């Protein structure tokens, strides 16, 4: 499905630690927030730099898609994440992607 393509591609890039492929899935005016609406990244450049460092310091990252729901232009992915430095066990998270023109324009991470 076309709507889920950027979510699928960013997941694959995340698991490969490929910052270029990962950020190619996001719009230039992307905004990322936590579950309470606190801004994590307010630009593509800020997100690029944050994830570049994250991938470098966590070479064993892996995210498994547990479930996916589509509502309008939103893709909601329930995820299990492993391989973060200092992490014990599996982290459970939800990513809510707003997709517009084939790119993720807004993302909210629930952890």
PDB file of N, CA and C in Angstrom:
ATOM      1  N   UNK A   1       0.854  -1.187   0.000  1.00  0.00           N
ATOM      2  CA  UNK A   1       0.000   0.000   0.000  1.00  0.00           C
ATOM      3  C   UNK A   1       0.892   1.241   0.000  1.00  0.00           C
ATOM      4  N   UNK A   2       0.550   2.197  -0.821  1.00  0.00           N
ATOM      5  CA  UNK A   2       1.351   3.413  -0.985  1.00  0.00           C
ATOM      6  C   UNK A   2       1.500   4.207   0.318  1.00  0.00           C
ATOM      7  N   UNK A   3       0.433   4.296   1.109  1.00  0.00           N
ATOM      8  CA  UNK A   3       0.487   5.070   2.350  1.00  0.00           C
ATOM      9  C   UNK A   3       1.522   4.511   3.322  1.00  0.00           C
ATOM     10  N   UNK A   4       1.682   3.214   3.348  1.00  0.00           N
ATOM     11  CA  UNK A   4       2.604   2.594   4.304  1.00  0.00           C
ATOM     12  C   UNK A   4       4.042   2.513   3.793  1.00  0.00           C
ATOM     13  N   UNK A   5       4.270   2.854   2.535  1.00  0.00           N
ATOM     14  CA  UNK A   5       5.612   2.723   1.950  1.00  0.00           C
ATOM     15  C   UNK A   5       6.690   3.464   2.744  1.00  0.00           C
ATOM     16  N   UNK A   6       6.509   4.750   3.105  1.00  0.00           N
ATOM     17  CA  UNK A   6       7.577   5.398   3.868  1.00  0.00           C
ATOM     18  C   UNK A   6       7.778   4.779   5.255  1.00  0.00           C
ATOM     19  N   UNK A   7       6.721   4.288   5.879  1.00  0.00           N
ATOM     20  CA  UNK A   7       6.863   3.634   7.182  1.00  0.00           C
ATOM     21  C   UNK A   7       7.653   2.335   7.036  1.00  0.00           C
ATOM     22  N   UNK A   8       7.361   1.586   5.975  1.00  0.00           N
ATOM     23  CA  UNK A   8       8.109   0.350   5.720  1.00  0.00           C
ATOM     24  C   UNK A   8       9.580   0.642   5.442  1.00  0.00           C
ATOM     25  N   UNK A   9       9.827   1.648   4.614  1.00  0.00           N
ATOM     26  CA  UNK A   9      11.194   1.973   4.233  1.00  0.00           C
ATOM     27  C   UNK A   9      12.014   2.498   5.407  1.00  0.00           C
ATOM     28  N   UNK A  10      11.398   3.333   6.256  1.00  0.00           N
ATOM     29  CA  UNK A  10      12.160   3.841   7.397  1.00  0.00           C
ATOM     30  C   UNK A  10      12.453   2.727   8.395  1.00  0.00           C
ATOM     31  N   UNK A  11      11.553   1.765   8.523  1.00  0.00           N
ATOM     32  CA  UNK A  11      11.791   0.636   9.422  1.00  0.00           C
ATOM     33  C   UNK A  11      12.977  -0.194   8.938  1.00  0.00           C
ATOM     34  N   UNK A  12      13.021  -0.467   7.648  1.00  0.00           N
ATOM     35  CA  UNK A  12      14.145  -1.216   7.086  1.00  0.00           C
ATOM     36  C   UNK A  12      15.455  -0.454   7.279  1.00  0.00           C
ATOM     37  N   UNK A  13      15.437   0.852   7.010  1.00  0.00           N
ATOM     38  CA  UNK A  13      16.642   1.677   7.170  1.00  0.00           C
ATOM     39  C   UNK A  13      17.066   1.732   8.631  1.00  0.00           C
ATOM     40  N   UNK A  14      16.105   1.834   9.559  1.00  0.00           N
ATOM     41  CA  UNK A  14      16.382   1.839  10.991  1.00  0.00           C
ATOM     42  C   UNK A  14      17.127   0.558  11.367  1.00  0.00           C
ATOM     43  N   UNK A  15      16.615  -0.576  10.905  1.00  0.00           N
ATOM     44  CA  UNK A  15      17.228  -1.862  11.241  1.00  0.00           C
ATOM     45  C   UNK A  15      18.605  -2.032  10.611  1.00  0.00           C
ATOM     46  N   UNK A  16      18.863  -1.304   9.538  1.00  0.00           N
ATOM     47  CA  UNK A  16      20.181  -1.347   8.887  1.00  0.00           C
ATOM     48  C   UNK A  16      21.108  -0.243   9.387  1.00  0.00           C
ATOM     49  N   UNK A  17      20.600   0.646  10.236  1.00  0.00           N
ATOM     50  CA  UNK A  17      21.406   1.762  10.726  1.00  0.00           C
ATOM     51  C   UNK A  17      21.820   2.708   9.610  1.00  0.00           C
ATOM     52  N   UNK A  18      20.978   2.813   8.597  1.00  0.00           N
ATOM     53  CA  UNK A  18      21.284   3.608   7.401  1.00  0.00           C
ATOM     54  C   UNK A  18      20.614   4.976   7.502  1.00  0.00           C
ATOM     55  N   UNK A  19      21.357   5.969   7.964  1.00  0.00           N
ATOM     56  CA  UNK A  19      20.794   7.300   8.197  1.00  0.00           C
ATOM     57  C   UNK A  19      20.286   7.936   6.911  1.00  0.00           C
ATOM     58  N   UNK A  20      20.973   7.745   5.804  1.00  0.00           N
ATOM     59  CA  UNK A  20      20.547   8.368   4.543  1.00  0.00           C
ATOM     60  C   UNK A  20      19.210   7.798   4.085  1.00  0.00           C
ATOM     61  N   UNK A  21      19.091   6.490   4.085  1.00  0.00           N
ATOM     62  CA  UNK A  21      17.830   5.852   3.677  1.00  0.00           C
ATOM     63  C   UNK A  21      16.715   6.168   4.672  1.00  0.00           C
ATOM     64  N   UNK A  22      17.058   6.223   5.950  1.00  0.00           N
ATOM     65  CA  UNK A  22      16.066   6.536   6.982  1.00  0.00           C
ATOM     66  C   UNK A  22      15.481   7.925   6.756  1.00  0.00           C
ATOM     67  N   UNK A  23      16.339   8.914   6.612  1.00  0.00           N
ATOM     68  CA  UNK A  23      15.861  10.294   6.480  1.00  0.00           C
ATOM     69  C   UNK A  23      15.218  10.583   5.133  1.00  0.00           C
ATOM     70  N   UNK A  24      15.471   9.746   4.137  1.00  0.00           N
ATOM     71  CA  UNK A  24      14.827   9.906   2.829  1.00  0.00           C
ATOM     72  C   UNK A  24      13.318   9.672   2.923  1.00  0.00           C
ATOM     73  N   UNK A  25      12.856   9.114   4.023  1.00  0.00           N
ATOM     74  CA  UNK A  25      11.432   8.823   4.219  1.00  0.00           C
ATOM     75  C   UNK A  25      10.674   9.992   4.831  1.00  0.00           C
ATOM     76  N   UNK A  26      11.380  11.044   5.222  1.00  0.00           N
ATOM     77  CA  UNK A  26      10.774  12.153   5.946  1.00  0.00           C
ATOM     78  C   UNK A  26      10.771  13.435   5.118  1.00  0.00           C
ATOM     79  N   UNK A  27       9.692  14.197   5.250  1.00  0.00           N
ATOM     80  CA  UNK A  27       9.563  15.485   4.576  1.00  0.00           C
ATOM     81  C   UNK A  27      10.568  16.479   5.157  1.00  0.00           C
ATOM     82  N   UNK A  28      10.931  17.467   4.375  1.00  0.00           N
ATOM     83  CA  UNK A  28      11.899  18.475   4.819  1.00  0.00           C
ATOM     84  C   UNK A  28      11.384  19.278   6.016  1.00  0.00           C
ATOM     85  N   UNK A  29      10.065  19.381   6.167  1.00  0.00           N
ATOM     86  CA  UNK A  29       9.504  20.119   7.305  1.00  0.00           C
ATOM     87  C   UNK A  29       8.989  19.172   8.398  1.00  0.00           C
ATOM     88  N   UNK A  30       9.601  17.991   8.501  1.00  0.00           N
ATOM     89  CA  UNK A  30       9.186  16.997   9.483  1.00  0.00           C
ATOM     90  C   UNK A  30       9.271  17.558  10.901  1.00  0.00           C
ATOM     91  N   UNK A  31       8.362  17.091  11.712  1.00  0.00           N
ATOM     92  CA  UNK A  31       8.363  17.420  13.132  1.00  0.00           C
ATOM     93  C   UNK A  31       8.139  16.119  13.888  1.00  0.00           C
ATOM     94  N   UNK A  32       8.934  15.887  14.931  1.00  0.00           N
ATOM     95  CA  UNK A  32       8.795  14.689  15.754  1.00  0.00           C
ATOM     96  C   UNK A  32       8.515  15.108  17.181  1.00  0.00           C
ATOM     97  N   UNK A  33       7.560  14.414  17.793  1.00  0.00           N
ATOM     98  CA  UNK A  33       7.148  14.728  19.167  1.00  0.00           C
ATOM     99  C   UNK A  33       7.040  13.453  19.985  1.00  0.00           C
ATOM    100  N   UNK A  34       7.081  13.637  21.298  1.00  0.00           N
ATOM    101  CA  UNK A  34       6.809  12.512  22.185  1.00  0.00           C
ATOM    102  C   UNK A  34       5.304  12.403  22.399  1.00  0.00           C
ATOM    103  N   UNK A  35       4.900  11.493  23.246  1.00  0.00           N
ATOM    104  CA  UNK A  35       3.482  11.244  23.470  1.00  0.00           C
ATOM    105  C   UNK A  35       2.714  12.410  24.055  1.00  0.00           C
ATOM    106  N   UNK A  36       3.391  13.319  24.727  1.00  0.00           N
ATOM    107  CA  UNK A  36       2.731  14.478  25.327  1.00  0.00           C
ATOM    108  C   UNK A  36       2.790  15.709  24.432  1.00  0.00           C
ATOM    109  N   UNK A  37       3.365  15.556  23.243  1.00  0.00           N
ATOM    110  CA  UNK A  37       3.457  16.678  22.325  1.00  0.00           C
ATOM    111  C   UNK A  37       4.715  17.516  22.484  1.00  0.00           C
ATOM    112  N   UNK A  38       5.636  17.068  23.337  1.00  0.00           N
ATOM    113  CA  UNK A  38       6.910  17.776  23.467  1.00  0.00           C
ATOM    114  C   UNK A  38       7.736  17.545  22.208  1.00  0.00           C
ATOM    115  N   UNK A  39       8.266  18.600  21.646  1.00  0.00           N
ATOM    116  CA  UNK A  39       9.013  18.507  20.402  1.00  0.00           C
ATOM    117  C   UNK A  39      10.370  17.840  20.635  1.00  0.00           C
ATOM    118  N   UNK A  40      10.613  16.782  19.882  1.00  0.00           N
ATOM    119  CA  UNK A  40      11.901  16.097  19.908  1.00  0.00           C
ATOM    120  C   UNK A  40      12.811  16.642  18.813  1.00  0.00           C
ATOM    121  N   UNK A  41      12.241  16.831  17.632  1.00  0.00           N
ATOM    122  CA  UNK A  41      12.948  17.392  16.483  1.00  0.00           C
ATOM    123  C   UNK A  41      11.992  18.323  15.752  1.00  0.00           C
ATOM    124  N   UNK A  42      12.465  19.526  15.444  1.00  0.00           N
ATOM    125  CA  UNK A  42      11.595  20.493  14.781  1.00  0.00           C
ATOM    126  C   UNK A  42      12.022  20.790  13.349  1.00  0.00           C
ATOM    127  N   UNK A  43      12.960  19.979  12.837  1.00  0.00           N
ATOM    128  CA  UNK A  43      13.390  20.142  11.453  1.00  0.00           C
ATOM    129  C   UNK A  43      14.030  18.845  10.968  1.00  0.00           C
ATOM    130  N   UNK A  44      14.117  18.727   9.662  1.00  0.00           N
ATOM    131  CA  UNK A  44      14.761  17.568   9.061  1.00  0.00           C
ATOM    132  C   UNK A  44      16.224  17.504   9.482  1.00  0.00           C
ATOM    133  N   UNK A  45      16.904  18.635   9.466  1.00  0.00           N
ATOM    134  CA  UNK A  45      18.321  18.671   9.826  1.00  0.00           C
ATOM    135  C   UNK A  45      18.559  18.231  11.264  1.00  0.00           C
ATOM    136  N   UNK A  46      17.714  18.696  12.177  1.00  0.00           N
ATOM    137  CA  UNK A  46      17.856  18.317  13.585  1.00  0.00           C
ATOM    138  C   UNK A  46      17.606  16.817  13.769  1.00  0.00           C
ATOM    139  N   UNK A  47      16.613  16.292  13.063  1.00  0.00           N
ATOM    140  CA  UNK A  47      16.307  14.870  13.155  1.00  0.00           C
ATOM    141  C   UNK A  47      17.444  14.040  12.550  1.00  0.00           C
ATOM    142  N   UNK A  48      17.961  14.487  11.432  1.00  0.00           N
ATOM    143  CA  UNK A  48      19.093  13.803  10.800  1.00  0.00           C
ATOM    144  C   UNK A  48      20.254  13.682  11.786  1.00  0.00           C
ATOM    145  N   UNK A  49      20.634  14.788  12.386  1.00  0.00           N
ATOM    146  CA  UNK A  49      21.771  14.786  13.297  1.00  0.00           C
ATOM    147  C   UNK A  49      21.494  13.913  14.523  1.00  0.00           C
ATOM    148  N   UNK A  50      20.282  13.998  15.070  1.00  0.00           N
ATOM    149  CA  UNK A  50      19.932  13.183  16.228  1.00  0.00           C
ATOM    150  C   UNK A  50      19.975  11.693  15.930  1.00  0.00           C
ATOM    151  N   UNK A  51      19.429  11.290  14.799  1.00  0.00           N
ATOM    152  CA  UNK A  51      19.426   9.875  14.446  1.00  0.00           C
ATOM    153  C   UNK A  51      20.793   9.399  13.968  1.00  0.00           C
ATOM    154  N   UNK A  52      21.572  10.268  13.364  1.00  0.00           N
ATOM    155  CA  UNK A  52      22.931   9.882  12.979  1.00  0.00           C
ATOM    156  C   UNK A  52      23.706   9.457  14.224  1.00  0.00           C
ATOM    157  N   UNK A  53      23.629  10.261  15.265  1.00  0.00           N
ATOM    158  CA  UNK A  53      24.318   9.941  16.520  1.00  0.00           C
ATOM    159  C   UNK A  53      23.728   8.688  17.172  1.00  0.00           C
ATOM    160  N   UNK A  54      22.402   8.568  17.125  1.00  0.00           N
ATOM    161  CA  UNK A  54      21.704   7.417  17.711  1.00  0.00           C
ATOM    162  C   UNK A  54      22.131   6.118  17.033  1.00  0.00           C
ATOM    163  N   UNK A  55      22.172   6.111  15.703  1.00  0.00           N
ATOM    164  CA  UNK A  55      22.600   4.913  14.978  1.00  0.00           C
ATOM    165  C   UNK A  55      24.059   4.583  15.276  1.00  0.00           C
ATOM    166  N   UNK A  56      24.906   5.589  15.319  1.00  0.00           N
ATOM    167  CA  UNK A  56      26.334   5.355  15.590  1.00  0.00           C
ATOM    168  C   UNK A  56      26.564   4.760  16.975  1.00  0.00           C
ATOM    169  N   UNK A  57      25.819   5.233  17.965  1.00  0.00           N
ATOM    170  CA  UNK A  57      26.039   4.767  19.334  1.00  0.00           C
ATOM    171  C   UNK A  57      25.243   3.502  19.677  1.00  0.00           C
ATOM    172  N   UNK A  58      24.399   3.042  18.765  1.00  0.00           N
ATOM    173  CA  UNK A  58      23.597   1.841  18.988  1.00  0.00           C
ATOM    174  C   UNK A  58      23.660   0.938  17.752  1.00  0.00           C
ATOM    175  N   UNK A  59      24.806   0.322  17.499  1.00  0.00           N
ATOM    176  CA  UNK A  59      24.982  -0.449  16.260  1.00  0.00           C
ATOM    177  C   UNK A  59      24.137  -1.722  16.170  1.00  0.00           C
ATOM    178  N   UNK A  60      23.556  -2.167  17.278  1.00  0.00           N
ATOM    179  CA  UNK A  60      22.773  -3.403  17.267  1.00  0.00           C
ATOM    180  C   UNK A  60      21.265  -3.166  17.326  1.00  0.00           C
ATOM    181  N   UNK A  61      20.842  -1.974  16.968  1.00  0.00           N
ATOM    182  CA  UNK A  61      19.416  -1.654  16.983  1.00  0.00           C
ATOM    183  C   UNK A  61      18.612  -2.597  16.101  1.00  0.00           C
ATOM    184  N   UNK A  62      17.443  -2.947  16.589  1.00  0.00           N
ATOM    185  CA  UNK A  62      16.507  -3.705  15.758  1.00  0.00           C
ATOM    186  C   UNK A  62      15.090  -3.417  16.239  1.00  0.00           C
ATOM    187  N   UNK A  63      14.221  -3.176  15.283  1.00  0.00           N
ATOM    188  CA  UNK A  63      12.823  -2.905  15.584  1.00  0.00           C
ATOM    189  C   UNK A  63      11.951  -3.913  14.857  1.00  0.00           C
ATOM    190  N   UNK A  64      11.087  -4.589  15.602  1.00  0.00           N
ATOM    191  CA  UNK A  64      10.125  -5.515  15.020  1.00  0.00           C
ATOM    192  C   UNK A  64       8.751  -4.867  15.025  1.00  0.00           C
ATOM    193  N   UNK A  65       8.077  -4.911  13.897  1.00  0.00           N
ATOM    194  CA  UNK A  65       6.716  -4.410  13.792  1.00  0.00           C
ATOM    195  C   UNK A  65       5.784  -5.452  14.393  1.00  0.00           C
ATOM    196  N   UNK A  66       5.054  -5.070  15.433  1.00  0.00           N
ATOM    197  CA  UNK A  66       4.132  -5.976  16.114  1.00  0.00           C
ATOM    198  C   UNK A  66       2.760  -5.908  15.464  1.00  0.00           C
ATOM    199  N   UNK A  67       2.292  -4.690  15.211  1.00  0.00           N
ATOM    200  CA  UNK A  67       0.992  -4.508  14.562  1.00  0.00           C
ATOM    201  C   UNK A  67       0.965  -3.154  13.869  1.00  0.00           C
ATOM    202  N   UNK A  68       0.053  -3.023  12.927  1.00  0.00           N
ATOM    203  CA  UNK A  68      -0.082  -1.770  12.186  1.00  0.00           C
ATOM    204  C   UNK A  68      -1.568  -1.483  11.983  1.00  0.00           C
ATOM    205  N   UNK A  69      -1.915  -0.214  12.190  1.00  0.00           N
ATOM    206  CA  UNK A  69      -3.274   0.269  11.955  1.00  0.00           C
ATOM    207  C   UNK A  69      -3.175   1.500  11.063  1.00  0.00           C
ATOM    208  N   UNK A  70      -4.100   1.614  10.131  1.00  0.00           N
ATOM    209  CA  UNK A  70      -4.145   2.778   9.256  1.00  0.00           C
ATOM    210  C   UNK A  70      -5.454   3.505   9.505  1.00  0.00           C
ATOM    211  N   UNK A  71      -5.336   4.805   9.756  1.00  0.00           N
ATOM    212  CA  UNK A  71      -6.502   5.667   9.960  1.00  0.00           C
ATOM    213  C   UNK A  71      -6.284   6.915   9.106  1.00  0.00           C
ATOM    214  N   UNK A  72      -7.048   7.046   8.039  1.00  0.00           N
ATOM    215  CA  UNK A  72      -6.871   8.194   7.146  1.00  0.00           C
ATOM    216  C   UNK A  72      -5.459   8.238   6.611  1.00  0.00           C
ATOM    217  N   UNK A  73      -4.761   9.342   6.858  1.00  0.00           N
ATOM    218  CA  UNK A  73      -3.370   9.513   6.407  1.00  0.00           C
ATOM    219  C   UNK A  73      -2.359   9.142   7.482  1.00  0.00           C
ATOM    220  N   UNK A  74      -2.808   8.454   8.523  1.00  0.00           N
ATOM    221  CA  UNK A  74      -1.937   8.061   9.634  1.00  0.00           C
ATOM    222  C   UNK A  74      -1.632   6.570   9.583  1.00  0.00           C
ATOM    223  N   UNK A  75      -0.379   6.249   9.862  1.00  0.00           N
ATOM    224  CA  UNK A  75       0.065   4.868  10.005  1.00  0.00           C
ATOM    225  C   UNK A  75       0.523   4.721  11.452  1.00  0.00           C
ATOM    226  N   UNK A  76      -0.115   3.832  12.183  1.00  0.00           N
ATOM    227  CA  UNK A  76       0.203   3.608  13.596  1.00  0.00           C
ATOM    228  C   UNK A  76       0.905   2.265  13.721  1.00  0.00           C
ATOM    229  N   UNK A  77       2.167   2.288  14.113  1.00  0.00           N
ATOM    230  CA  UNK A  77       2.969   1.077  14.234  1.00  0.00           C
ATOM    231  C   UNK A  77       3.289   0.783  15.688  1.00  0.00           C
ATOM    232  N   UNK A  78       2.872  -0.389  16.139  1.00  0.00           N
ATOM    233  CA  UNK A  78       3.282  -0.888  17.444  1.00  0.00           C
ATOM    234  C   UNK A  78       4.586  -1.639  17.221  1.00  0.00           C
ATOM    235  N   UNK A  79       5.592  -1.340  18.049  1.00  0.00           N
ATOM    236  CA  UNK A  79       6.928  -1.853  17.805  1.00  0.00           C
ATOM    237  C   UNK A  79       7.578  -2.429  19.063  1.00  0.00           C
ATOM    238  N   UNK A  80       8.463  -3.370  18.833  1.00  0.00           N
ATOM    239  CA  UNK A  80       9.356  -3.886  19.870  1.00  0.00           C
ATOM    240  C   UNK A  80      10.777  -3.565  19.429  1.00  0.00           C
ATOM    241  N   UNK A  81      11.526  -2.883  20.293  1.00  0.00           N
ATOM    242  CA  UNK A  81      12.864  -2.413  19.953  1.00  0.00           C
ATOM    243  C   UNK A  81      13.886  -3.077  20.870  1.00  0.00           C
ATOM    244  N   UNK A  82      14.948  -3.565  20.266  1.00  0.00           N
ATOM    245  CA  UNK A  82      16.052  -4.160  21.016  1.00  0.00           C
ATOM    246  C   UNK A  82      17.366  -3.552  20.521  1.00  0.00           C
ATOM    247  N   UNK A  83      18.424  -3.781  21.290  1.00  0.00           N
ATOM    248  CA  UNK A  83      19.756  -3.410  20.856  1.00  0.00           C
ATOM    249  C   UNK A  83      20.212  -2.012  21.223  1.00  0.00           C
ATOM    250  N   UNK A  84      19.437  -1.305  22.041  1.00  0.00           N
ATOM    251  CA  UNK A  84      19.907   0.013  22.478  1.00  0.00           C
ATOM    252  C   UNK A  84      20.895  -0.168  23.619  1.00  0.00           C
ATOM    253  N   UNK A  85      21.963   0.592  23.572  1.00  0.00           N
ATOM    254  CA  UNK A  85      22.991   0.510  24.605  1.00  0.00           C
ATOM    255  C   UNK A  85      22.346   0.784  25.967  1.00  0.00           C
ATOM    256  N   UNK A  86      22.600  -0.087  26.922  1.00  0.00           N
ATOM    257  CA  UNK A  86      22.061   0.059  28.262  1.00  0.00           C
ATOM    258  C   UNK A  86      20.650  -0.480  28.435  1.00  0.00           C
ATOM    259  N   UNK A  87      20.019  -0.888  27.362  1.00  0.00           N
ATOM    260  CA  UNK A  87      18.649  -1.412  27.423  1.00  0.00           C
ATOM    261  C   UNK A  87      18.676  -2.873  27.833  1.00  0.00           C
ATOM    262  N   UNK A  88      17.795  -3.217  28.757  1.00  0.00           N
ATOM    263  CA  UNK A  88      17.636  -4.608  29.154  1.00  0.00           C
ATOM    264  C   UNK A  88      16.279  -5.057  28.632  1.00  0.00           C
ATOM    265  N   UNK A  89      16.274  -6.117  27.865  1.00  0.00           N
ATOM    266  CA  UNK A  89      15.026  -6.637  27.341  1.00  0.00           C
ATOM    267  C   UNK A  89      14.525  -5.854  26.129  1.00  0.00           C
ATOM    268  N   UNK A  90      13.209  -5.922  25.960  1.00  0.00           N
ATOM    269  CA  UNK A  90      12.547  -5.343  24.792  1.00  0.00           C
ATOM    270  C   UNK A  90      11.803  -4.081  25.192  1.00  0.00           C
ATOM    271  N   UNK A  91      12.004  -3.013  24.429  1.00  0.00           N
ATOM    272  CA  UNK A  91      11.241  -1.781  24.644  1.00  0.00           C
ATOM    273  C   UNK A  91       9.994  -1.842  23.778  1.00  0.00           C
ATOM    274  N   UNK A  92       8.885  -1.476  24.360  1.00  0.00           N
ATOM    275  CA  UNK A  92       7.599  -1.463  23.664  1.00  0.00           C
ATOM    276  C   UNK A  92       7.277  -0.021  23.309  1.00  0.00           C
ATOM    277  N   UNK A  93       6.938   0.240  22.054  1.00  0.00           N
ATOM    278  CA  UNK A  93       6.684   1.609  21.619  1.00  0.00           C
ATOM    279  C   UNK A  93       5.581   1.648  20.569  1.00  0.00           C
ATOM    280  N   UNK A  94       5.071   2.842  20.340  1.00  0.00           N
ATOM    281  CA  UNK A  94       4.102   3.095  19.273  1.00  0.00           C
ATOM    282  C   UNK A  94       4.599   4.312  18.522  1.00  0.00           C
ATOM    283  N   UNK A  95       4.643   4.211  17.213  1.00  0.00           N
ATOM    284  CA  UNK A  95       4.990   5.349  16.360  1.00  0.00           C
ATOM    285  C   UNK A  95       3.772   5.683  15.524  1.00  0.00           C
ATOM    286  N   UNK A  96       3.411   6.946  15.515  1.00  0.00           N
ATOM    287  CA  UNK A  96       2.268   7.412  14.739  1.00  0.00           C
ATOM    288  C   UNK A  96       2.802   8.335  13.655  1.00  0.00           C
ATOM    289  N   UNK A  97       2.714   7.879  12.429  1.00  0.00           N
ATOM    290  CA  UNK A  97       3.250   8.617  11.287  1.00  0.00           C
ATOM    291  C   UNK A  97       2.111   9.285  10.520  1.00  0.00           C
ATOM    292  N   UNK A  98       2.256  10.577  10.258  1.00  0.00           N
ATOM    293  CA  UNK A  98       1.345  11.273   9.358  1.00  0.00           C
ATOM    294  C   UNK A  98       2.044  11.342   8.012  1.00  0.00           C
ATOM    295  N   UNK A  99       1.441  10.738   6.996  1.00  0.00           N
ATOM    296  CA  UNK A  99       2.062  10.637   5.683  1.00  0.00           C
ATOM    297  C   UNK A  99       1.359  11.582   4.713  1.00  0.00           C
ATOM    298  N   UNK A 100       2.176  12.359   4.015  1.00  0.00           N
ATOM    299  CA  UNK A 100       1.656  13.313   3.036  1.00  0.00           C
ATOM    300  C   UNK A 100       2.599  13.326   1.835  1.00  0.00           C
ATOM    301  N   UNK A 101       2.058  13.194   0.651  1.00  0.00           N
ATOM    302  CA  UNK A 101       2.852  13.199  -0.580  1.00  0.00           C
ATOM    303  C   UNK A 101       3.988  12.176  -0.550  1.00  0.00           C
ATOM    304  N   UNK A 102       3.708  11.006   0.019  1.00  0.00           N
ATOM    305  CA  UNK A 102       4.669   9.915   0.008  1.00  0.00           C
ATOM    306  C   UNK A 102       5.789  10.008   1.023  1.00  0.00           C
ATOM    307  N   UNK A 103       5.714  11.004   1.932  1.00  0.00           N
ATOM    308  CA  UNK A 103       6.740  11.161   2.967  1.00  0.00           C
ATOM    309  C   UNK A 103       6.097  11.318   4.336  1.00  0.00           C
ATOM    310  N   UNK A 104       6.844  11.003   5.363  1.00  0.00           N
ATOM    311  CA  UNK A 104       6.371  11.199   6.729  1.00  0.00           C
ATOM    312  C   UNK A 104       6.591  12.666   7.078  1.00  0.00           C
ATOM    313  N   UNK A 105       5.500  13.356   7.381  1.00  0.00           N
ATOM    314  CA  UNK A 105       5.600  14.788   7.680  1.00  0.00           C
ATOM    315  C   UNK A 105       5.599  15.054   9.177  1.00  0.00           C
ATOM    316  N   UNK A 106       4.973  14.169   9.916  1.00  0.00           N
ATOM    317  CA  UNK A 106       4.904  14.320  11.378  1.00  0.00           C
ATOM    318  C   UNK A 106       4.957  12.931  11.990  1.00  0.00           C
ATOM    319  N   UNK A 107       5.654  12.821  13.114  1.00  0.00           N
ATOM    320  CA  UNK A 107       5.701  11.545  13.822  1.00  0.00           C
ATOM    321  C   UNK A 107       5.597  11.814  15.313  1.00  0.00           C
ATOM    322  N   UNK A 108       4.840  10.950  15.969  1.00  0.00           N
ATOM    323  CA  UNK A 108       4.704  11.016  17.427  1.00  0.00           C
ATOM    324  C   UNK A 108       5.113   9.645  17.961  1.00  0.00           C
ATOM    325  N   UNK A 109       6.046   9.662  18.911  1.00  0.00           N
ATOM    326  CA  UNK A 109       6.544   8.431  19.519  1.00  0.00           C
ATOM    327  C   UNK A 109       5.962   8.264  20.917  1.00  0.00           C
ATOM    328  N   UNK A 110       5.321   7.143  21.149  1.00  0.00           N
ATOM    329  CA  UNK A 110       4.796   6.806  22.468  1.00  0.00           C
ATOM    330  C   UNK A 110       5.661   5.689  23.028  1.00  0.00           C
ATOM    331  N   UNK A 111       6.203   5.925  24.232  1.00  0.00           N
ATOM    332  CA  UNK A 111       7.076   4.913  24.850  1.00  0.00           C
ATOM    333  C   UNK A 111       6.646   4.685  26.273  1.00  0.00           C
TER     334      UNK A 111
END
